[in-house]
């Protein structure tokens, strides 16, 4: 695989949500529409996060050309399996571009068992599901987001309904937060130095701009 394909696929699963203007030094090259579904048990525990990403035609066609081993301008089951393998291995170091926080503290997520990959209507589609590593109760404030820390990919949740949660307990509220990039930069100006920006993979700047699903449920226990 050539360097372009590898670097592109490194960001393919980005799942997050940079449908806002980015700082001038960072420009996404891949675009995707996304859906996030948070599933909840009857007891009020977070069961899983279900992701669907549908990529733009240009990037999808690049993937087709790179992985169409038999040259029939299709991606058959084995070719899709190879796309899935490359993407899965590439984004593991980035937590599969998921952000989960409970009352401001990061929540560890189990790696998904694999990715489902399809190619429909000239678009690459990636689906996967992951679970919290430990019990995660809906208490206090829980934030769920998706973003690419390298800024290579912009994943857009087109409307608030594409960030959904089922079995929301009584007394809990749901909100989709879309940060204003100018405000985010202004509020964090002291940390956003040139040195900070020089290596976006080593910091968490992407979380400042990521659209997130915010669930608030009374006081944390």
C-alpha atoms as a PDB file:
ATOM      1  CA  UNK A   1       0.000   0.000   0.000  1.00  0.00           C
ATOM      2  CA  UNK A   2       1.373   3.440  -0.840  1.00  0.00           C
ATOM      3  CA  UNK A   3       2.029   6.120   1.755  1.00  0.00           C
ATOM      4  CA  UNK A   4      -1.057   8.134   0.826  1.00  0.00           C
ATOM      5  CA  UNK A   5      -3.412   5.227   1.354  1.00  0.00           C
ATOM      6  CA  UNK A   6      -1.837   4.364   4.681  1.00  0.00           C
ATOM      7  CA  UNK A   7      -1.976   7.918   5.984  1.00  0.00           C
ATOM      8  CA  UNK A   8      -5.549   8.307   4.786  1.00  0.00           C
ATOM      9  CA  UNK A   9      -6.700   5.089   6.372  1.00  0.00           C
ATOM     10  CA  UNK A  10      -5.016   6.088   9.598  1.00  0.00           C
ATOM     11  CA  UNK A  11      -7.778   8.638   9.968  1.00  0.00           C
ATOM     12  CA  UNK A  12     -10.572   6.773   8.263  1.00  0.00           C
ATOM     13  CA  UNK A  13     -12.525   5.784  11.305  1.00  0.00           C
ATOM     14  CA  UNK A  14     -12.749   9.166  12.746  1.00  0.00           C
ATOM     15  CA  UNK A  15     -15.378   9.136  13.975  1.00  0.00           C
ATOM     16  CA  UNK A  16     -15.767  12.922  15.399  1.00  0.00           C
ATOM     17  CA  UNK A  17     -17.240  15.648  14.457  1.00  0.00           C
ATOM     18  CA  UNK A  18     -15.193  18.501  13.224  1.00  0.00           C
ATOM     19  CA  UNK A  19     -17.956  20.131  11.232  1.00  0.00           C
ATOM     20  CA  UNK A  20     -16.651  23.484  12.425  1.00  0.00           C
ATOM     21  CA  UNK A  21     -13.904  25.693  11.024  1.00  0.00           C
ATOM     22  CA  UNK A  22     -10.508  24.481  12.216  1.00  0.00           C
ATOM     23  CA  UNK A  23      -7.488  26.627  12.995  1.00  0.00           C
ATOM     24  CA  UNK A  24      -5.693  27.812   9.887  1.00  0.00           C
ATOM     25  CA  UNK A  25      -2.841  25.372  10.370  1.00  0.00           C
ATOM     26  CA  UNK A  26      -5.080  22.289  10.264  1.00  0.00           C
ATOM     27  CA  UNK A  27      -7.211  21.206   7.343  1.00  0.00           C
ATOM     28  CA  UNK A  28      -9.178  17.965   7.072  1.00  0.00           C
ATOM     29  CA  UNK A  29      -8.735  16.005   3.851  1.00  0.00           C
ATOM     30  CA  UNK A  30     -11.348  13.304   4.435  1.00  0.00           C
ATOM     31  CA  UNK A  31     -15.005  13.939   5.270  1.00  0.00           C
ATOM     32  CA  UNK A  32     -17.653  11.629   6.658  1.00  0.00           C
ATOM     33  CA  UNK A  33     -21.206  11.768   7.912  1.00  0.00           C
ATOM     34  CA  UNK A  34     -21.667   9.923  11.188  1.00  0.00           C
ATOM     35  CA  UNK A  35     -24.198   8.489  13.563  1.00  0.00           C
ATOM     36  CA  UNK A  36     -23.609   7.575  17.215  1.00  0.00           C
ATOM     37  CA  UNK A  37     -26.049   5.496  19.256  1.00  0.00           C
ATOM     38  CA  UNK A  38     -25.448   5.037  22.975  1.00  0.00           C
ATOM     39  CA  UNK A  39     -27.236   1.959  24.311  1.00  0.00           C
ATOM     40  CA  UNK A  40     -28.222   1.784  27.970  1.00  0.00           C
ATOM     41  CA  UNK A  41     -29.294  -1.148  30.170  1.00  0.00           C
ATOM     42  CA  UNK A  42     -32.575  -1.062  32.118  1.00  0.00           C
ATOM     43  CA  UNK A  43     -30.443  -0.439  35.212  1.00  0.00           C
ATOM     44  CA  UNK A  44     -29.041   2.777  33.779  1.00  0.00           C
ATOM     45  CA  UNK A  45     -25.584   1.532  32.821  1.00  0.00           C
ATOM     46  CA  UNK A  46     -23.985   2.404  29.499  1.00  0.00           C
ATOM     47  CA  UNK A  47     -23.912  -0.830  27.503  1.00  0.00           C
ATOM     48  CA  UNK A  48     -22.182   0.233  24.296  1.00  0.00           C
ATOM     49  CA  UNK A  49     -21.446   2.887  21.705  1.00  0.00           C
ATOM     50  CA  UNK A  50     -22.526   2.074  18.150  1.00  0.00           C
ATOM     51  CA  UNK A  51     -20.841   3.999  15.344  1.00  0.00           C
ATOM     52  CA  UNK A  52     -21.719   4.405  11.677  1.00  0.00           C
ATOM     53  CA  UNK A  53     -19.452   6.466   9.379  1.00  0.00           C
ATOM     54  CA  UNK A  54     -20.211   7.161   5.718  1.00  0.00           C
ATOM     55  CA  UNK A  55     -17.247   8.657   3.844  1.00  0.00           C
ATOM     56  CA  UNK A  56     -17.144  11.190   1.041  1.00  0.00           C
ATOM     57  CA  UNK A  57     -17.079  10.059  -2.586  1.00  0.00           C
ATOM     58  CA  UNK A  58     -13.515  11.189  -3.281  1.00  0.00           C
ATOM     59  CA  UNK A  59     -11.939   9.342  -0.390  1.00  0.00           C
ATOM     60  CA  UNK A  60     -14.173   6.320  -0.993  1.00  0.00           C
ATOM     61  CA  UNK A  61     -13.013   6.116  -4.600  1.00  0.00           C
ATOM     62  CA  UNK A  62      -9.390   6.268  -3.428  1.00  0.00           C
ATOM     63  CA  UNK A  63     -10.008   3.315  -1.123  1.00  0.00           C
ATOM     64  CA  UNK A  64     -11.683   1.441  -3.966  1.00  0.00           C
ATOM     65  CA  UNK A  65      -8.685   1.905  -6.255  1.00  0.00           C
ATOM     66  CA  UNK A  66      -6.185   0.934  -3.552  1.00  0.00           C
ATOM     67  CA  UNK A  67      -7.956  -2.223  -2.374  1.00  0.00           C
ATOM     68  CA  UNK A  68      -9.582  -3.493  -5.581  1.00  0.00           C
ATOM     69  CA  UNK A  69      -7.005  -6.277  -5.971  1.00  0.00           C
ATOM     70  CA  UNK A  70      -8.714  -7.963  -8.930  1.00  0.00           C
ATOM     71  CA  UNK A  71      -9.431  -4.727 -10.783  1.00  0.00           C
ATOM     72  CA  UNK A  72     -13.179  -5.257 -11.234  1.00  0.00           C
ATOM     73  CA  UNK A  73     -14.040  -1.812  -9.776  1.00  0.00           C
ATOM     74  CA  UNK A  74     -15.798  -3.442  -6.825  1.00  0.00           C
ATOM     75  CA  UNK A  75     -14.811  -4.396  -3.320  1.00  0.00           C
ATOM     76  CA  UNK A  76     -15.632  -8.030  -2.730  1.00  0.00           C
ATOM     77  CA  UNK A  77     -15.775  -9.732   0.656  1.00  0.00           C
ATOM     78  CA  UNK A  78     -12.029 -10.417   0.858  1.00  0.00           C
ATOM     79  CA  UNK A  79     -11.121  -6.899  -0.250  1.00  0.00           C
ATOM     80  CA  UNK A  80     -13.502  -5.380   2.299  1.00  0.00           C
ATOM     81  CA  UNK A  81     -11.952  -7.623   4.926  1.00  0.00           C
ATOM     82  CA  UNK A  82      -8.536  -6.162   4.097  1.00  0.00           C
ATOM     83  CA  UNK A  83      -9.873  -2.595   4.348  1.00  0.00           C
ATOM     84  CA  UNK A  84     -11.331  -3.476   7.739  1.00  0.00           C
ATOM     85  CA  UNK A  85      -8.051  -4.969   8.939  1.00  0.00           C
ATOM     86  CA  UNK A  86      -5.975  -1.949   7.909  1.00  0.00           C
ATOM     87  CA  UNK A  87      -8.353   0.572   9.439  1.00  0.00           C
ATOM     88  CA  UNK A  88      -8.746  -1.436  12.643  1.00  0.00           C
ATOM     89  CA  UNK A  89      -4.991  -1.733  13.151  1.00  0.00           C
ATOM     90  CA  UNK A  90      -4.361   1.904  12.255  1.00  0.00           C
ATOM     91  CA  UNK A  91      -6.771   3.601  14.632  1.00  0.00           C
ATOM     92  CA  UNK A  92      -6.322   1.403  17.691  1.00  0.00           C
ATOM     93  CA  UNK A  93      -3.625   3.704  19.066  1.00  0.00           C
ATOM     94  CA  UNK A  94      -6.142   6.555  18.940  1.00  0.00           C
ATOM     95  CA  UNK A  95      -8.848   4.830  20.960  1.00  0.00           C
ATOM     96  CA  UNK A  96     -10.887   4.397  17.763  1.00  0.00           C
ATOM     97  CA  UNK A  97     -11.403   8.159  17.840  1.00  0.00           C
ATOM     98  CA  UNK A  98     -13.874   7.883  20.706  1.00  0.00           C
ATOM     99  CA  UNK A  99     -14.046  10.303  23.613  1.00  0.00           C
ATOM    100  CA  UNK A 100     -15.969   9.256  26.723  1.00  0.00           C
ATOM    101  CA  UNK A 101     -15.755  11.207  29.961  1.00  0.00           C
ATOM    102  CA  UNK A 102     -17.570  10.760  33.267  1.00  0.00           C
ATOM    103  CA  UNK A 103     -17.681  13.959  35.302  1.00  0.00           C
ATOM    104  CA  UNK A 104     -14.626  15.236  33.455  1.00  0.00           C
ATOM    105  CA  UNK A 105     -12.546  12.058  33.801  1.00  0.00           C
ATOM    106  CA  UNK A 106     -11.658   9.830  30.822  1.00  0.00           C
ATOM    107  CA  UNK A 107     -13.490   6.510  30.606  1.00  0.00           C
ATOM    108  CA  UNK A 108     -11.592   3.504  29.236  1.00  0.00           C
ATOM    109  CA  UNK A 109     -13.338   1.679  26.398  1.00  0.00           C
ATOM    110  CA  UNK A 110     -12.717  -1.887  25.282  1.00  0.00           C
ATOM    111  CA  UNK A 111     -11.435  -2.214  21.722  1.00  0.00           C
ATOM    112  CA  UNK A 112     -14.252  -3.259  19.379  1.00  0.00           C
ATOM    113  CA  UNK A 113     -13.979  -6.903  18.328  1.00  0.00           C
ATOM    114  CA  UNK A 114     -13.732  -5.735  14.727  1.00  0.00           C
ATOM    115  CA  UNK A 115     -15.091  -3.349  12.121  1.00  0.00           C
ATOM    116  CA  UNK A 116     -17.844  -3.986   9.617  1.00  0.00           C
ATOM    117  CA  UNK A 117     -16.992  -2.370   6.288  1.00  0.00           C
ATOM    118  CA  UNK A 118     -19.207  -1.975   3.229  1.00  0.00           C
ATOM    119  CA  UNK A 119     -19.137  -0.050  -0.050  1.00  0.00           C
ATOM    120  CA  UNK A 120     -22.540   1.214  -1.167  1.00  0.00           C
ATOM    121  CA  UNK A 121     -23.548   3.903  -3.669  1.00  0.00           C
ATOM    122  CA  UNK A 122     -19.887   4.824  -4.204  1.00  0.00           C
ATOM    123  CA  UNK A 123     -19.328   5.442  -0.497  1.00  0.00           C
ATOM    124  CA  UNK A 124     -17.245   3.590   2.061  1.00  0.00           C
ATOM    125  CA  UNK A 125     -19.235   2.743   5.194  1.00  0.00           C
ATOM    126  CA  UNK A 126     -17.712   1.655   8.507  1.00  0.00           C
ATOM    127  CA  UNK A 127     -19.658   0.325  11.481  1.00  0.00           C
ATOM    128  CA  UNK A 128     -18.439  -0.827  14.878  1.00  0.00           C
ATOM    129  CA  UNK A 129     -19.515  -1.165  18.488  1.00  0.00           C
ATOM    130  CA  UNK A 130     -17.483  -0.772  21.666  1.00  0.00           C
ATOM    131  CA  UNK A 131     -18.191  -1.182  25.368  1.00  0.00           C
ATOM    132  CA  UNK A 132     -16.908   0.520  28.528  1.00  0.00           C
ATOM    133  CA  UNK A 133     -14.055  -1.370  30.137  1.00  0.00           C
ATOM    134  CA  UNK A 134     -15.728  -1.055  33.532  1.00  0.00           C
ATOM    135  CA  UNK A 135     -19.256  -0.370  34.743  1.00  0.00           C
ATOM    136  CA  UNK A 136     -20.375   3.070  33.607  1.00  0.00           C
ATOM    137  CA  UNK A 137     -23.501   4.362  35.280  1.00  0.00           C
ATOM    138  CA  UNK A 138     -25.395   7.368  34.046  1.00  0.00           C
ATOM    139  CA  UNK A 139     -24.699   9.642  37.008  1.00  0.00           C
ATOM    140  CA  UNK A 140     -23.558  13.220  37.016  1.00  0.00           C
ATOM    141  CA  UNK A 141     -22.399  14.282  33.551  1.00  0.00           C
ATOM    142  CA  UNK A 142     -21.284  11.833  30.878  1.00  0.00           C
ATOM    143  CA  UNK A 143     -19.856  13.113  27.589  1.00  0.00           C
ATOM    144  CA  UNK A 144     -19.566  11.090  24.368  1.00  0.00           C
ATOM    145  CA  UNK A 145     -17.692  12.397  21.345  1.00  0.00           C
ATOM    146  CA  UNK A 146     -15.801  11.344  18.218  1.00  0.00           C
ATOM    147  CA  UNK A 147     -12.857  13.186  16.713  1.00  0.00           C
ATOM    148  CA  UNK A 148      -9.588  12.663  14.878  1.00  0.00           C
ATOM    149  CA  UNK A 149      -6.645  14.006  16.915  1.00  0.00           C
ATOM    150  CA  UNK A 150      -4.578  14.370  13.724  1.00  0.00           C
ATOM    151  CA  UNK A 151      -7.196  16.672  12.117  1.00  0.00           C
ATOM    152  CA  UNK A 152      -6.913  14.610   8.949  1.00  0.00           C
ATOM    153  CA  UNK A 153     -10.585  13.641   8.938  1.00  0.00           C
ATOM    154  CA  UNK A 154     -13.704  15.660   9.690  1.00  0.00           C
ATOM    155  CA  UNK A 155     -16.703  13.620  10.793  1.00  0.00           C
ATOM    156  CA  UNK A 156     -19.978  15.475  10.737  1.00  0.00           C
ATOM    157  CA  UNK A 157     -23.119  14.744  12.723  1.00  0.00           C
ATOM    158  CA  UNK A 158     -25.556  16.491  10.403  1.00  0.00           C
ATOM    159  CA  UNK A 159     -28.243  17.035  13.011  1.00  0.00           C
ATOM    160  CA  UNK A 160     -28.710  16.434  16.714  1.00  0.00           C
ATOM    161  CA  UNK A 161     -30.739  13.278  16.153  1.00  0.00           C
ATOM    162  CA  UNK A 162     -27.635  11.532  14.781  1.00  0.00           C
ATOM    163  CA  UNK A 163     -26.261  11.485  18.347  1.00  0.00           C
ATOM    164  CA  UNK A 164     -28.834   9.335  20.110  1.00  0.00           C
ATOM    165  CA  UNK A 165     -29.284   7.450  23.365  1.00  0.00           C
ATOM    166  CA  UNK A 166     -31.844   4.788  24.184  1.00  0.00           C
ATOM    167  CA  UNK A 167     -33.461   4.003  27.551  1.00  0.00           C
ATOM    168  CA  UNK A 168     -32.572   7.422  28.953  1.00  0.00           C
ATOM    169  CA  UNK A 169     -33.539   7.196  32.639  1.00  0.00           C
ATOM    170  CA  UNK A 170     -36.019   9.606  34.153  1.00  0.00           C
ATOM    171  CA  UNK A 171     -34.333  12.625  35.658  1.00  0.00           C
ATOM    172  CA  UNK A 172     -31.659  12.650  32.955  1.00  0.00           C
ATOM    173  CA  UNK A 173     -31.302  15.243  30.220  1.00  0.00           C
ATOM    174  CA  UNK A 174     -29.693  14.985  26.783  1.00  0.00           C
ATOM    175  CA  UNK A 175     -27.940  17.752  24.874  1.00  0.00           C
ATOM    176  CA  UNK A 176     -25.749  17.908  21.772  1.00  0.00           C
ATOM    177  CA  UNK A 177     -22.938  20.413  22.248  1.00  0.00           C
ATOM    178  CA  UNK A 178     -21.277  21.943  19.186  1.00  0.00           C
ATOM    179  CA  UNK A 179     -18.361  24.077  20.435  1.00  0.00           C
ATOM    180  CA  UNK A 180     -17.696  27.413  18.776  1.00  0.00           C
ATOM    181  CA  UNK A 181     -14.072  27.179  17.574  1.00  0.00           C
ATOM    182  CA  UNK A 182     -13.296  30.845  18.272  1.00  0.00           C
ATOM    183  CA  UNK A 183     -14.577  30.532  21.831  1.00  0.00           C
ATOM    184  CA  UNK A 184     -12.689  27.270  22.352  1.00  0.00           C
ATOM    185  CA  UNK A 185      -9.445  28.873  21.229  1.00  0.00           C
ATOM    186  CA  UNK A 186     -10.028  31.998  23.329  1.00  0.00           C
ATOM    187  CA  UNK A 187     -10.784  29.978  26.461  1.00  0.00           C
ATOM    188  CA  UNK A 188      -7.638  27.879  26.044  1.00  0.00           C
ATOM    189  CA  UNK A 189      -5.264  30.508  24.663  1.00  0.00           C
ATOM    190  CA  UNK A 190      -2.656  29.913  27.349  1.00  0.00           C
ATOM    191  CA  UNK A 191      -2.180  26.312  26.231  1.00  0.00           C
ATOM    192  CA  UNK A 192      -2.435  26.741  22.466  1.00  0.00           C
ATOM    193  CA  UNK A 193       1.175  27.653  21.740  1.00  0.00           C
ATOM    194  CA  UNK A 194       3.018  27.011  18.477  1.00  0.00           C
ATOM    195  CA  UNK A 195       4.846  24.141  20.175  1.00  0.00           C
ATOM    196  CA  UNK A 196       1.504  22.675  21.249  1.00  0.00           C
ATOM    197  CA  UNK A 197       0.193  22.749  17.686  1.00  0.00           C
ATOM    198  CA  UNK A 198       3.367  21.343  16.138  1.00  0.00           C
ATOM    199  CA  UNK A 199       2.462  17.803  17.201  1.00  0.00           C
ATOM    200  CA  UNK A 200      -1.350  17.422  17.323  1.00  0.00           C
ATOM    201  CA  UNK A 201      -1.082  13.684  17.940  1.00  0.00           C
ATOM    202  CA  UNK A 202       0.583  14.262  21.310  1.00  0.00           C
ATOM    203  CA  UNK A 203      -2.157  16.469  22.757  1.00  0.00           C
ATOM    204  CA  UNK A 204      -5.903  16.544  23.129  1.00  0.00           C
ATOM    205  CA  UNK A 205      -6.665  19.697  21.181  1.00  0.00           C
ATOM    206  CA  UNK A 206      -9.229  17.885  19.040  1.00  0.00           C
ATOM    207  CA  UNK A 207     -11.503  17.456  22.033  1.00  0.00           C
ATOM    208  CA  UNK A 208     -11.894  21.236  22.237  1.00  0.00           C
ATOM    209  CA  UNK A 209     -13.650  21.293  18.862  1.00  0.00           C
ATOM    210  CA  UNK A 210     -15.456  17.949  18.945  1.00  0.00           C
ATOM    211  CA  UNK A 211     -19.213  17.820  18.886  1.00  0.00           C
ATOM    212  CA  UNK A 212     -20.360  15.751  21.834  1.00  0.00           C
ATOM    213  CA  UNK A 213     -23.452  14.146  23.318  1.00  0.00           C
ATOM    214  CA  UNK A 214     -23.824  15.371  26.897  1.00  0.00           C
ATOM    215  CA  UNK A 215     -25.981  13.382  29.335  1.00  0.00           C
ATOM    216  CA  UNK A 216     -26.727  14.855  32.760  1.00  0.00           C
ATOM    217  CA  UNK A 217     -28.332  12.667  35.439  1.00  0.00           C
ATOM    218  CA  UNK A 218     -28.549  14.202  38.888  1.00  0.00           C
ATOM    219  CA  UNK A 219     -25.541  13.997  41.141  1.00  0.00           C
ATOM    220  CA  UNK A 220     -22.704  11.513  40.715  1.00  0.00           C
ATOM    221  CA  UNK A 221     -22.647   8.831  43.359  1.00  0.00           C
END
